[in-house]
Amino acid sequence: QVQLVESGGGLVQAGGSLRLSCAASGNIASINSMGWYRQAPGKQRELVARITSGGNTNYADSVKGRFTISRDNAKNTVYLQMNSLKPEDTAVYYCNAVVLSTGYRYLEVWGQGTLVTVSS
């Protein structure tokens, strides 16, 4: 089994910053891509940012220039630095990873989600 544990969500005022972390653990041989998605009330889950094992990144247009995704491969951890937060960034943020397990199966794994609330 593989687990993702997120941390770093909370309440922040508009214009503020938060940093989310997500650590993967379990029967991991390697991790392909890791990413962050979010789901606001009444809306579908959407991609926020994604990073490959080689460090290539892609971002949703709505967060470009404000959010930065990074990863520490040695720690199996991905981060999301969120700056200049806006009320519309309020959502539950989910970590996602594509993992090659020690049983040589590719697994897509989701974290439990962490709530980010941006007040105006």
PDB file of N, CA and C in Angstrom:
ATOM      1  N   GLN A   1       0.832  -1.200   0.000  1.00  0.00           N
ATOM      2  CA  GLN A   1       0.000   0.000   0.000  1.00  0.00           C
ATOM      3  C   GLN A   1       0.859   1.239   0.000  1.00  0.00           C
ATOM      4  N   VAL A   2       0.289   2.324  -0.554  1.00  0.00           N
ATOM      5  CA  VAL A   2       0.962   3.617  -0.582  1.00  0.00           C
ATOM      6  C   VAL A   2       0.002   4.649  -0.011  1.00  0.00           C
ATOM      7  N   GLN A   3       0.527   5.519   0.825  1.00  0.00           N
ATOM      8  CA  GLN A   3      -0.283   6.580   1.426  1.00  0.00           C
ATOM      9  C   GLN A   3       0.330   7.943   1.132  1.00  0.00           C
ATOM     10  N   LEU A   4      -0.540   8.929   1.022  1.00  0.00           N
ATOM     11  CA  LEU A   4      -0.137  10.330   0.892  1.00  0.00           C
ATOM     12  C   LEU A   4      -0.711  11.088   2.077  1.00  0.00           C
ATOM     13  N   VAL A   5       0.135  11.820   2.756  1.00  0.00           N
ATOM     14  CA  VAL A   5      -0.307  12.608   3.906  1.00  0.00           C
ATOM     15  C   VAL A   5       0.003  14.070   3.640  1.00  0.00           C
ATOM     16  N   GLU A   6      -1.060  14.891   3.633  1.00  0.00           N
ATOM     17  CA  GLU A   6      -0.914  16.320   3.341  1.00  0.00           C
ATOM     18  C   GLU A   6      -0.888  17.119   4.642  1.00  0.00           C
ATOM     19  N   SER A   7      -0.278  18.282   4.567  1.00  0.00           N
ATOM     20  CA  SER A   7      -0.288  19.214   5.692  1.00  0.00           C
ATOM     21  C   SER A   7      -0.109  20.626   5.158  1.00  0.00           C
ATOM     22  N   GLY A   8      -0.450  21.607   5.999  1.00  0.00           N
ATOM     23  CA  GLY A   8      -0.177  22.996   5.661  1.00  0.00           C
ATOM     24  C   GLY A   8      -1.379  23.843   5.315  1.00  0.00           C
ATOM     25  N   GLY A   9      -2.560  23.255   5.239  1.00  0.00           N
ATOM     26  CA  GLY A   9      -3.731  24.067   4.942  1.00  0.00           C
ATOM     27  C   GLY A   9      -4.109  24.942   6.119  1.00  0.00           C
ATOM     28  N   GLY A  10      -5.074  25.828   5.895  1.00  0.00           N
ATOM     29  CA  GLY A  10      -5.529  26.697   6.969  1.00  0.00           C
ATOM     30  C   GLY A  10      -6.242  27.915   6.448  1.00  0.00           C
ATOM     31  N   LEU A  11      -6.400  28.881   7.337  1.00  0.00           N
ATOM     32  CA  LEU A  11      -7.087  30.135   7.021  1.00  0.00           C
ATOM     33  C   LEU A  11      -6.066  31.244   6.842  1.00  0.00           C
ATOM     34  N   VAL A  12      -6.205  31.996   5.766  1.00  0.00           N
ATOM     35  CA  VAL A  12      -5.280  33.093   5.493  1.00  0.00           C
ATOM     36  C   VAL A  12      -6.051  34.234   4.848  1.00  0.00           C
ATOM     37  N   GLN A  13      -5.578  35.435   5.048  1.00  0.00           N
ATOM     38  CA  GLN A  13      -6.209  36.596   4.421  1.00  0.00           C
ATOM     39  C   GLN A  13      -5.768  36.715   2.968  1.00  0.00           C
ATOM     40  N   ALA A  14      -6.604  37.336   2.179  1.00  0.00           N
ATOM     41  CA  ALA A  14      -6.258  37.584   0.785  1.00  0.00           C
ATOM     42  C   ALA A  14      -4.916  38.314   0.700  1.00  0.00           C
ATOM     43  N   GLY A  15      -4.099  37.868  -0.240  1.00  0.00           N
ATOM     44  CA  GLY A  15      -2.765  38.426  -0.387  1.00  0.00           C
ATOM     45  C   GLY A  15      -1.702  37.679   0.391  1.00  0.00           C
ATOM     46  N   GLY A  16      -2.132  36.792   1.259  1.00  0.00           N
ATOM     47  CA  GLY A  16      -1.196  36.035   2.078  1.00  0.00           C
ATOM     48  C   GLY A  16      -0.644  34.814   1.372  1.00  0.00           C
ATOM     49  N   SER A  17       0.111  34.021   2.134  1.00  0.00           N
ATOM     50  CA  SER A  17       0.791  32.850   1.586  1.00  0.00           C
ATOM     51  C   SER A  17       0.561  31.634   2.468  1.00  0.00           C
ATOM     52  N   LEU A  18       0.597  30.475   1.841  1.00  0.00           N
ATOM     53  CA  LEU A  18       0.581  29.198   2.538  1.00  0.00           C
ATOM     54  C   LEU A  18       1.475  28.236   1.777  1.00  0.00           C
ATOM     55  N   ARG A  19       1.990  27.248   2.509  1.00  0.00           N
ATOM     56  CA  ARG A  19       2.782  26.202   1.871  1.00  0.00           C
ATOM     57  C   ARG A  19       2.194  24.853   2.236  1.00  0.00           C
ATOM     58  N   LEU A  20       1.814  24.100   1.225  1.00  0.00           N
ATOM     59  CA  LEU A  20       1.296  22.758   1.432  1.00  0.00           C
ATOM     60  C   LEU A  20       2.414  21.739   1.218  1.00  0.00           C
ATOM     61  N   SER A  21       2.353  20.666   2.002  1.00  0.00           N
ATOM     62  CA  SER A  21       3.298  19.563   1.854  1.00  0.00           C
ATOM     63  C   SER A  21       2.529  18.267   1.718  1.00  0.00           C
ATOM     64  N   CYS A  22       3.118  17.320   1.013  1.00  0.00           N
ATOM     65  CA  CYS A  22       2.510  16.006   0.848  1.00  0.00           C
ATOM     66  C   CYS A  22       3.619  14.976   0.805  1.00  0.00           C
ATOM     67  N   ALA A  23       3.597  14.072   1.768  1.00  0.00           N
ATOM     68  CA  ALA A  23       4.617  13.037   1.857  1.00  0.00           C
ATOM     69  C   ALA A  23       4.024  11.684   1.499  1.00  0.00           C
ATOM     70  N   ALA A  24       4.719  10.966   0.633  1.00  0.00           N
ATOM     71  CA  ALA A  24       4.298   9.624   0.234  1.00  0.00           C
ATOM     72  C   ALA A  24       5.081   8.591   1.028  1.00  0.00           C
ATOM     73  N   SER A  25       4.391   7.531   1.419  1.00  0.00           N
ATOM     74  CA  SER A  25       5.051   6.454   2.158  1.00  0.00           C
ATOM     75  C   SER A  25       4.402   5.125   1.794  1.00  0.00           C
ATOM     76  N   GLY A  26       5.124   4.059   2.109  1.00  0.00           N
ATOM     77  CA  GLY A  26       4.586   2.728   1.836  1.00  0.00           C
ATOM     78  C   GLY A  26       5.494   1.959   0.907  1.00  0.00           C
ATOM     79  N   ASN A  27       4.886   1.072   0.137  1.00  0.00           N
ATOM     80  CA  ASN A  27       5.639   0.173  -0.735  1.00  0.00           C
ATOM     81  C   ASN A  27       5.950   0.858  -2.070  1.00  0.00           C
ATOM     82  N   ILE A  28       6.900   1.775  -2.026  1.00  0.00           N
ATOM     83  CA  ILE A  28       7.222   2.610  -3.172  1.00  0.00           C
ATOM     84  C   ILE A  28       8.553   2.199  -3.786  1.00  0.00           C
ATOM     85  N   ALA A  29       8.519   1.886  -5.069  1.00  0.00           N
ATOM     86  CA  ALA A  29       9.770   1.661  -5.796  1.00  0.00           C
ATOM     87  C   ALA A  29      10.252   2.982  -6.393  1.00  0.00           C
ATOM     88  N   SER A  30       9.326   3.727  -6.964  1.00  0.00           N
ATOM     89  CA  SER A  30       9.638   5.050  -7.498  1.00  0.00           C
ATOM     90  C   SER A  30       8.330   5.810  -7.680  1.00  0.00           C
ATOM     91  N   ILE A  31       8.471   7.126  -7.778  1.00  0.00           N
ATOM     92  CA  ILE A  31       7.303   7.970  -7.987  1.00  0.00           C
ATOM     93  C   ILE A  31       7.453   8.679  -9.316  1.00  0.00           C
ATOM     94  N   ASN A  32       6.462   8.569 -10.156  1.00  0.00           N
ATOM     95  CA  ASN A  32       6.497   9.218 -11.454  1.00  0.00           C
ATOM     96  C   ASN A  32       6.152  10.690 -11.250  1.00  0.00           C
ATOM     97  N   SER A  33       4.929  11.052 -11.464  1.00  0.00           N
ATOM     98  CA  SER A  33       4.553  12.448 -11.281  1.00  0.00           C
ATOM     99  C   SER A  33       3.808  12.632  -9.961  1.00  0.00           C
ATOM    100  N   MET A  34       3.862  13.852  -9.459  1.00  0.00           N
ATOM    101  CA  MET A  34       3.121  14.237  -8.258  1.00  0.00           C
ATOM    102  C   MET A  34       2.433  15.558  -8.558  1.00  0.00           C
ATOM    103  N   GLY A  35       1.309  15.774  -7.908  1.00  0.00           N
ATOM    104  CA  GLY A  35       0.594  17.005  -8.213  1.00  0.00           C
ATOM    105  C   GLY A  35      -0.405  17.393  -7.150  1.00  0.00           C
ATOM    106  N   TRP A  36      -0.966  18.552  -7.360  1.00  0.00           N
ATOM    107  CA  TRP A  36      -1.994  19.093  -6.475  1.00  0.00           C
ATOM    108  C   TRP A  36      -3.242  19.407  -7.298  1.00  0.00           C
ATOM    109  N   TYR A  37      -4.375  19.016  -6.760  1.00  0.00           N
ATOM    110  CA  TYR A  37      -5.680  19.327  -7.334  1.00  0.00           C
ATOM    111  C   TYR A  37      -6.477  20.042  -6.255  1.00  0.00           C
ATOM    112  N   ARG A  38      -7.550  20.694  -6.662  1.00  0.00           N
ATOM    113  CA  ARG A  38      -8.408  21.340  -5.677  1.00  0.00           C
ATOM    114  C   ARG A  38      -9.865  21.215  -6.087  1.00  0.00           C
ATOM    115  N   GLN A  39     -10.712  21.269  -5.078  1.00  0.00           N
ATOM    116  CA  GLN A  39     -12.145  21.205  -5.315  1.00  0.00           C
ATOM    117  C   GLN A  39     -12.838  22.211  -4.416  1.00  0.00           C
ATOM    118  N   ALA A  40     -13.444  23.199  -5.047  1.00  0.00           N
ATOM    119  CA  ALA A  40     -14.213  24.204  -4.318  1.00  0.00           C
ATOM    120  C   ALA A  40     -15.656  23.713  -4.174  1.00  0.00           C
ATOM    121  N   PRO A  41     -16.381  24.244  -3.208  1.00  0.00           N
ATOM    122  CA  PRO A  41     -17.781  23.818  -3.016  1.00  0.00           C
ATOM    123  C   PRO A  41     -18.598  23.977  -4.285  1.00  0.00           C
ATOM    124  N   GLY A  42     -19.281  22.917  -4.672  1.00  0.00           N
ATOM    125  CA  GLY A  42     -20.145  22.971  -5.845  1.00  0.00           C
ATOM    126  C   GLY A  42     -19.421  22.907  -7.175  1.00  0.00           C
ATOM    127  N   LYS A  43     -18.120  22.683  -7.139  1.00  0.00           N
ATOM    128  CA  LYS A  43     -17.354  22.639  -8.382  1.00  0.00           C
ATOM    129  C   LYS A  43     -16.639  21.309  -8.529  1.00  0.00           C
ATOM    130  N   GLN A  44     -16.194  21.032  -9.751  1.00  0.00           N
ATOM    131  CA  GLN A  44     -15.449  19.808  -9.992  1.00  0.00           C
ATOM    132  C   GLN A  44     -14.004  19.964  -9.537  1.00  0.00           C
ATOM    133  N   ARG A  45     -13.385  18.828  -9.249  1.00  0.00           N
ATOM    134  CA  ARG A  45     -11.969  18.847  -8.901  1.00  0.00           C
ATOM    135  C   ARG A  45     -11.178  19.264 -10.137  1.00  0.00           C
ATOM    136  N   GLU A  46     -10.176  20.130  -9.917  1.00  0.00           N
ATOM    137  CA  GLU A  46      -9.375  20.627 -11.029  1.00  0.00           C
ATOM    138  C   GLU A  46      -7.887  20.545 -10.709  1.00  0.00           C
ATOM    139  N   LEU A  47      -7.093  20.432 -11.752  1.00  0.00           N
ATOM    140  CA  LEU A  47      -5.648  20.420 -11.599  1.00  0.00           C
ATOM    141  C   LEU A  47      -5.166  21.811 -11.195  1.00  0.00           C
ATOM    142  N   VAL A  48      -4.285  21.856 -10.212  1.00  0.00           N
ATOM    143  CA  VAL A  48      -3.630  23.107  -9.825  1.00  0.00           C
ATOM    144  C   VAL A  48      -2.217  23.130 -10.408  1.00  0.00           C
ATOM    145  N   ALA A  49      -1.447  22.087 -10.124  1.00  0.00           N
ATOM    146  CA  ALA A  49      -0.068  22.026 -10.603  1.00  0.00           C
ATOM    147  C   ALA A  49       0.406  20.587 -10.545  1.00  0.00           C
ATOM    148  N   ARG A  50       1.375  20.279 -11.402  1.00  0.00           N
ATOM    149  CA  ARG A  50       1.898  18.927 -11.462  1.00  0.00           C
ATOM    150  C   ARG A  50       3.393  19.008 -11.760  1.00  0.00           C
ATOM    151  N   ILE A  51       4.147  18.020 -11.252  1.00  0.00           N
ATOM    152  CA  ILE A  51       5.586  17.989 -11.471  1.00  0.00           C
ATOM    153  C   ILE A  51       6.010  16.554 -11.723  1.00  0.00           C
ATOM    154  N   THR A  52       6.869  16.369 -12.723  1.00  0.00           N
ATOM    155  CA  THR A  52       7.354  15.033 -13.039  1.00  0.00           C
ATOM    156  C   THR A  52       8.588  14.704 -12.194  1.00  0.00           C
ATOM    157  N   SER A  53       9.034  13.466 -12.283  1.00  0.00           N
ATOM    158  CA  SER A  53      10.226  13.069 -11.545  1.00  0.00           C
ATOM    159  C   SER A  53      11.456  13.839 -12.013  1.00  0.00           C
ATOM    160  N   GLY A  54      11.417  14.297 -13.247  1.00  0.00           N
ATOM    161  CA  GLY A  54      12.538  15.069 -13.771  1.00  0.00           C
ATOM    162  C   GLY A  54      12.445  16.556 -13.506  1.00  0.00           C
ATOM    163  N   GLY A  55      11.354  16.975 -12.884  1.00  0.00           N
ATOM    164  CA  GLY A  55      11.217  18.385 -12.511  1.00  0.00           C
ATOM    165  C   GLY A  55      10.420  19.235 -13.478  1.00  0.00           C
ATOM    166  N   ASN A  56       9.866  18.640 -14.523  1.00  0.00           N
ATOM    167  CA  ASN A  56       9.014  19.414 -15.426  1.00  0.00           C
ATOM    168  C   ASN A  56       7.687  19.712 -14.747  1.00  0.00           C
ATOM    169  N   THR A  57       7.224  20.939 -14.925  1.00  0.00           N
ATOM    170  CA  THR A  57       6.024  21.373 -14.235  1.00  0.00           C
ATOM    171  C   THR A  57       4.961  21.889 -15.205  1.00  0.00           C
ATOM    172  N   ASN A  58       3.719  21.820 -14.774  1.00  0.00           N
ATOM    173  CA  ASN A  58       2.661  22.532 -15.480  1.00  0.00           C
ATOM    174  C   ASN A  58       1.661  23.036 -14.446  1.00  0.00           C
ATOM    175  N   TYR A  59       1.039  24.165 -14.776  1.00  0.00           N
ATOM    176  CA  TYR A  59       0.158  24.865 -13.849  1.00  0.00           C
ATOM    177  C   TYR A  59      -1.167  25.220 -14.519  1.00  0.00           C
ATOM    178  N   ALA A  60      -2.194  25.309 -13.703  1.00  0.00           N
ATOM    179  CA  ALA A  60      -3.445  25.892 -14.179  1.00  0.00           C
ATOM    180  C   ALA A  60      -3.209  27.377 -14.456  1.00  0.00           C
ATOM    181  N   ASP A  61      -3.866  27.891 -15.472  1.00  0.00           N
ATOM    182  CA  ASP A  61      -3.675  29.301 -15.820  1.00  0.00           C
ATOM    183  C   ASP A  61      -3.999  30.214 -14.644  1.00  0.00           C
ATOM    184  N   SER A  62      -4.966  29.821 -13.836  1.00  0.00           N
ATOM    185  CA  SER A  62      -5.422  30.675 -12.739  1.00  0.00           C
ATOM    186  C   SER A  62      -4.388  30.848 -11.630  1.00  0.00           C
ATOM    187  N   VAL A  63      -3.373  29.991 -11.593  1.00  0.00           N
ATOM    188  CA  VAL A  63      -2.381  30.079 -10.503  1.00  0.00           C
ATOM    189  C   VAL A  63      -0.980  30.406 -11.010  1.00  0.00           C
ATOM    190  N   LYS A  64      -0.794  30.492 -12.315  1.00  0.00           N
ATOM    191  CA  LYS A  64       0.529  30.782 -12.862  1.00  0.00           C
ATOM    192  C   LYS A  64       1.038  32.116 -12.328  1.00  0.00           C
ATOM    193  N   GLY A  65       2.300  32.108 -11.912  1.00  0.00           N
ATOM    194  CA  GLY A  65       2.901  33.309 -11.373  1.00  0.00           C
ATOM    195  C   GLY A  65       2.661  33.516  -9.894  1.00  0.00           C
ATOM    196  N   ARG A  66       1.745  32.750  -9.304  1.00  0.00           N
ATOM    197  CA  ARG A  66       1.457  32.869  -7.870  1.00  0.00           C
ATOM    198  C   ARG A  66       1.826  31.612  -7.091  1.00  0.00           C
ATOM    199  N   PHE A  67       1.643  30.467  -7.703  1.00  0.00           N
ATOM    200  CA  PHE A  67       1.915  29.190  -7.035  1.00  0.00           C
ATOM    201  C   PHE A  67       3.171  28.558  -7.629  1.00  0.00           C
ATOM    202  N   THR A  68       3.915  27.838  -6.788  1.00  0.00           N
ATOM    203  CA  THR A  68       5.090  27.115  -7.245  1.00  0.00           C
ATOM    204  C   THR A  68       5.072  25.710  -6.673  1.00  0.00           C
ATOM    205  N   ILE A  69       5.181  24.725  -7.550  1.00  0.00           N
ATOM    206  CA  ILE A  69       5.254  23.336  -7.111  1.00  0.00           C
ATOM    207  C   ILE A  69       6.708  22.884  -7.143  1.00  0.00           C
ATOM    208  N   SER A  70       7.094  22.085  -6.153  1.00  0.00           N
ATOM    209  CA  SER A  70       8.446  21.539  -6.104  1.00  0.00           C
ATOM    210  C   SER A  70       8.384  20.175  -5.425  1.00  0.00           C
ATOM    211  N   ARG A  71       9.461  19.424  -5.538  1.00  0.00           N
ATOM    212  CA  ARG A  71       9.481  18.114  -4.897  1.00  0.00           C
ATOM    213  C   ARG A  71      10.867  17.771  -4.414  1.00  0.00           C
ATOM    214  N   ASP A  72      10.902  16.961  -3.373  1.00  0.00           N
ATOM    215  CA  ASP A  72      12.142  16.421  -2.829  1.00  0.00           C
ATOM    216  C   ASP A  72      12.071  14.917  -3.056  1.00  0.00           C
ATOM    217  N   ASN A  73      12.767  14.444  -4.072  1.00  0.00           N
ATOM    218  CA  ASN A  73      12.668  13.027  -4.431  1.00  0.00           C
ATOM    219  C   ASN A  73      13.216  12.123  -3.325  1.00  0.00           C
ATOM    220  N   ALA A  74      14.211  12.601  -2.607  1.00  0.00           N
ATOM    221  CA  ALA A  74      14.791  11.784  -1.537  1.00  0.00           C
ATOM    222  C   ALA A  74      13.790  11.562  -0.402  1.00  0.00           C
ATOM    223  N   LYS A  75      12.873  12.523  -0.237  1.00  0.00           N
ATOM    224  CA  LYS A  75      11.883  12.433   0.838  1.00  0.00           C
ATOM    225  C   LYS A  75      10.506  12.015   0.325  1.00  0.00           C
ATOM    226  N   ASN A  76      10.402  11.765  -0.985  1.00  0.00           N
ATOM    227  CA  ASN A  76       9.098  11.419  -1.575  1.00  0.00           C
ATOM    228  C   ASN A  76       8.032  12.446  -1.207  1.00  0.00           C
ATOM    229  N   THR A  77       8.412  13.700  -1.267  1.00  0.00           N
ATOM    230  CA  THR A  77       7.534  14.778  -0.822  1.00  0.00           C
ATOM    231  C   THR A  77       7.375  15.828  -1.919  1.00  0.00           C
ATOM    232  N   VAL A  78       6.155  16.331  -2.044  1.00  0.00           N
ATOM    233  CA  VAL A  78       5.870  17.417  -2.973  1.00  0.00           C
ATOM    234  C   VAL A  78       5.333  18.595  -2.175  1.00  0.00           C
ATOM    235  N   TYR A  79       5.661  19.786  -2.640  1.00  0.00           N
ATOM    236  CA  TYR A  79       5.262  21.019  -1.968  1.00  0.00           C
ATOM    237  C   TYR A  79       4.490  21.909  -2.939  1.00  0.00           C
ATOM    238  N   LEU A  80       3.639  22.748  -2.365  1.00  0.00           N
ATOM    239  CA  LEU A  80       2.966  23.774  -3.154  1.00  0.00           C
ATOM    240  C   LEU A  80       3.065  25.086  -2.384  1.00  0.00           C
ATOM    241  N   GLN A  81       3.877  25.983  -2.883  1.00  0.00           N
ATOM    242  CA  GLN A  81       3.994  27.315  -2.296  1.00  0.00           C
ATOM    243  C   GLN A  81       2.948  28.204  -2.962  1.00  0.00           C
ATOM    244  N   MET A  82       2.057  28.746  -2.160  1.00  0.00           N
ATOM    245  CA  MET A  82       0.964  29.562  -2.680  1.00  0.00           C
ATOM    246  C   MET A  82       1.115  30.988  -2.168  1.00  0.00           C
ATOM    247  N   ASN A  83       1.339  31.904  -3.076  1.00  0.00           N
ATOM    248  CA  ASN A  83       1.487  33.321  -2.739  1.00  0.00           C
ATOM    249  C   ASN A  83       0.350  34.125  -3.354  1.00  0.00           C
ATOM    250  N   SER A  84       0.187  35.333  -2.869  1.00  0.00           N
ATOM    251  CA  SER A  84      -0.852  36.238  -3.387  1.00  0.00           C
ATOM    252  C   SER A  84      -2.202  35.526  -3.473  1.00  0.00           C
ATOM    253  N   LEU A  85      -2.563  34.885  -2.402  1.00  0.00           N
ATOM    254  CA  LEU A  85      -3.798  34.100  -2.394  1.00  0.00           C
ATOM    255  C   LEU A  85      -5.028  34.982  -2.545  1.00  0.00           C
ATOM    256  N   LYS A  86      -6.014  34.425  -3.234  1.00  0.00           N
ATOM    257  CA  LYS A  86      -7.264  35.124  -3.494  1.00  0.00           C
ATOM    258  C   LYS A  86      -8.425  34.313  -2.889  1.00  0.00           C
ATOM    259  N   PRO A  87      -9.521  34.961  -2.605  1.00  0.00           N
ATOM    260  CA  PRO A  87     -10.677  34.209  -2.076  1.00  0.00           C
ATOM    261  C   PRO A  87     -11.097  33.058  -2.987  1.00  0.00           C
ATOM    262  N   GLU A  88     -10.934  33.219  -4.282  1.00  0.00           N
ATOM    263  CA  GLU A  88     -11.313  32.146  -5.217  1.00  0.00           C
ATOM    264  C   GLU A  88     -10.377  30.949  -5.170  1.00  0.00           C
ATOM    265  N   ASP A  89      -9.287  31.052  -4.424  1.00  0.00           N
ATOM    266  CA  ASP A  89      -8.408  29.899  -4.208  1.00  0.00           C
ATOM    267  C   ASP A  89      -8.931  28.996  -3.086  1.00  0.00           C
ATOM    268  N   THR A  90      -9.969  29.430  -2.402  1.00  0.00           N
ATOM    269  CA  THR A  90     -10.545  28.633  -1.329  1.00  0.00           C
ATOM    270  C   THR A  90     -11.058  27.303  -1.873  1.00  0.00           C
ATOM    271  N   ALA A  91     -10.584  26.213  -1.277  1.00  0.00           N
ATOM    272  CA  ALA A  91     -10.940  24.877  -1.746  1.00  0.00           C
ATOM    273  C   ALA A  91     -10.292  23.842  -0.844  1.00  0.00           C
ATOM    274  N   VAL A  92     -10.700  22.592  -1.038  1.00  0.00           N
ATOM    275  CA  VAL A  92      -9.952  21.477  -0.468  1.00  0.00           C
ATOM    276  C   VAL A  92      -8.888  21.087  -1.494  1.00  0.00           C
ATOM    277  N   TYR A  93      -7.655  21.047  -1.043  1.00  0.00           N
ATOM    278  CA  TYR A  93      -6.530  20.727  -1.916  1.00  0.00           C
ATOM    279  C   TYR A  93      -6.122  19.272  -1.685  1.00  0.00           C
ATOM    280  N   TYR A  94      -6.010  18.542  -2.792  1.00  0.00           N
ATOM    281  CA  TYR A  94      -5.676  17.128  -2.743  1.00  0.00           C
ATOM    282  C   TYR A  94      -4.331  16.879  -3.414  1.00  0.00           C
ATOM    283  N   CYS A  95      -3.530  16.069  -2.762  1.00  0.00           N
ATOM    284  CA  CYS A  95      -2.272  15.615  -3.336  1.00  0.00           C
ATOM    285  C   CYS A  95      -2.544  14.361  -4.168  1.00  0.00           C
ATOM    286  N   ASN A  96      -1.799  14.214  -5.246  1.00  0.00           N
ATOM    287  CA  ASN A  96      -1.949  13.062  -6.139  1.00  0.00           C
ATOM    288  C   ASN A  96      -0.575  12.600  -6.564  1.00  0.00           C
ATOM    289  N   ALA A  97      -0.414  11.288  -6.691  1.00  0.00           N
ATOM    290  CA  ALA A  97       0.871  10.752  -7.147  1.00  0.00           C
ATOM    291  C   ALA A  97       0.646   9.507  -7.989  1.00  0.00           C
ATOM    292  N   VAL A  98       1.488   9.355  -8.981  1.00  0.00           N
ATOM    293  CA  VAL A  98       1.529   8.117  -9.771  1.00  0.00           C
ATOM    294  C   VAL A  98       2.780   7.376  -9.327  1.00  0.00           C
ATOM    295  N   VAL A  99       2.571   6.225  -8.736  1.00  0.00           N
ATOM    296  CA  VAL A  99       3.629   5.511  -8.031  1.00  0.00           C
ATOM    297  C   VAL A  99       3.849   4.139  -8.645  1.00  0.00           C
ATOM    298  N   LEU A 100       5.110   3.748  -8.762  1.00  0.00           N
ATOM    299  CA  LEU A 100       5.447   2.371  -9.087  1.00  0.00           C
ATOM    300  C   LEU A 100       5.699   1.669  -7.763  1.00  0.00           C
ATOM    301  N   SER A 101       4.850   0.699  -7.457  1.00  0.00           N
ATOM    302  CA  SER A 101       4.985   0.019  -6.172  1.00  0.00           C
ATOM    303  C   SER A 101       6.130  -0.984  -6.218  1.00  0.00           C
ATOM    304  N   THR A 102       6.490  -1.486  -5.047  1.00  0.00           N
ATOM    305  CA  THR A 102       7.541  -2.504  -4.984  1.00  0.00           C
ATOM    306  C   THR A 102       7.084  -3.809  -5.613  1.00  0.00           C
ATOM    307  N   GLY A 103       5.777  -3.940  -5.837  1.00  0.00           N
ATOM    308  CA  GLY A 103       5.244  -5.077  -6.574  1.00  0.00           C
ATOM    309  C   GLY A 103       5.190  -4.820  -8.068  1.00  0.00           C
ATOM    310  N   TYR A 104       5.768  -3.711  -8.494  1.00  0.00           N
ATOM    311  CA  TYR A 104       5.875  -3.331  -9.909  1.00  0.00           C
ATOM    312  C   TYR A 104       4.512  -3.147 -10.571  1.00  0.00           C
ATOM    313  N   ARG A 105       3.634  -2.495  -9.780  1.00  0.00           N
ATOM    314  CA  ARG A 105       2.355  -2.071 -10.311  1.00  0.00           C
ATOM    315  C   ARG A 105       2.286  -0.556 -10.236  1.00  0.00           C
ATOM    316  N   TYR A 106       1.742   0.071 -11.284  1.00  0.00           N
ATOM    317  CA  TYR A 106       1.538   1.510 -11.239  1.00  0.00           C
ATOM    318  C   TYR A 106       0.225   1.797 -10.516  1.00  0.00           C
ATOM    319  N   LEU A 107       0.315   2.698  -9.553  1.00  0.00           N
ATOM    320  CA  LEU A 107      -0.847   3.061  -8.755  1.00  0.00           C
ATOM    321  C   LEU A 107      -1.056   4.567  -8.820  1.00  0.00           C
ATOM    322  N   GLU A 108      -2.293   4.988  -8.908  1.00  0.00           N
ATOM    323  CA  GLU A 108      -2.613   6.406  -8.732  1.00  0.00           C
ATOM    324  C   GLU A 108      -3.189   6.557  -7.331  1.00  0.00           C
ATOM    325  N   VAL A 109      -2.554   7.420  -6.557  1.00  0.00           N
ATOM    326  CA  VAL A 109      -2.900   7.547  -5.146  1.00  0.00           C
ATOM    327  C   VAL A 109      -3.326   8.981  -4.854  1.00  0.00           C
ATOM    328  N   TRP A 110      -4.326   9.126  -3.979  1.00  0.00           N
ATOM    329  CA  TRP A 110      -4.808  10.432  -3.552  1.00  0.00           C
ATOM    330  C   TRP A 110      -4.644  10.608  -2.049  1.00  0.00           C
ATOM    331  N   GLY A 111      -4.354  11.834  -1.649  1.00  0.00           N
ATOM    332  CA  GLY A 111      -4.356  12.172  -0.236  1.00  0.00           C
ATOM    333  C   GLY A 111      -5.769  12.439   0.248  1.00  0.00           C
ATOM    334  N   GLN A 112      -5.888  12.704   1.546  1.00  0.00           N
ATOM    335  CA  GLN A 112      -7.204  12.891   2.151  1.00  0.00           C
ATOM    336  C   GLN A 112      -7.739  14.303   1.949  1.00  0.00           C
ATOM    337  N   GLY A 113      -6.879  15.214   1.557  1.00  0.00           N
ATOM    338  CA  GLY A 113      -7.288  16.593   1.319  1.00  0.00           C
ATOM    339  C   GLY A 113      -7.000  17.493   2.504  1.00  0.00           C
ATOM    340  N   THR A 114      -6.675  18.730   2.200  1.00  0.00           N
ATOM    341  CA  THR A 114      -6.447  19.736   3.236  1.00  0.00           C
ATOM    342  C   THR A 114      -7.160  21.015   2.810  1.00  0.00           C
ATOM    343  N   LEU A 115      -7.865  21.628   3.754  1.00  0.00           N
ATOM    344  CA  LEU A 115      -8.695  22.786   3.445  1.00  0.00           C
ATOM    345  C   LEU A 115      -7.882  24.069   3.476  1.00  0.00           C
ATOM    346  N   VAL A 116      -8.006  24.842   2.413  1.00  0.00           N
ATOM    347  CA  VAL A 116      -7.424  26.173   2.339  1.00  0.00           C
ATOM    348  C   VAL A 116      -8.568  27.174   2.228  1.00  0.00           C
ATOM    349  N   THR A 117      -8.606  28.112   3.164  1.00  0.00           N
ATOM    350  CA  THR A 117      -9.645  29.136   3.163  1.00  0.00           C
ATOM    351  C   THR A 117      -8.982  30.503   3.094  1.00  0.00           C
ATOM    352  N   VAL A 118      -9.361  31.290   2.095  1.00  0.00           N
ATOM    353  CA  VAL A 118      -8.800  32.626   1.915  1.00  0.00           C
ATOM    354  C   VAL A 118      -9.912  33.640   2.150  1.00  0.00           C
ATOM    355  N   SER A 119      -9.724  34.460   3.162  1.00  0.00           N
ATOM    356  CA  SER A 119     -10.738  35.451   3.493  1.00  0.00           C
ATOM    357  C   SER A 119     -10.451  36.773   2.784  1.00  0.00           C
ATOM    358  N   SER A 120     -11.505  37.494   2.472  1.00  0.00           N
ATOM    359  CA  SER A 120     -11.347  38.769   1.743  1.00  0.00           C
ATOM    360  C   SER A 120     -11.213  39.933   2.702  1.00  0.00           C
TER     361      SER A 120
END
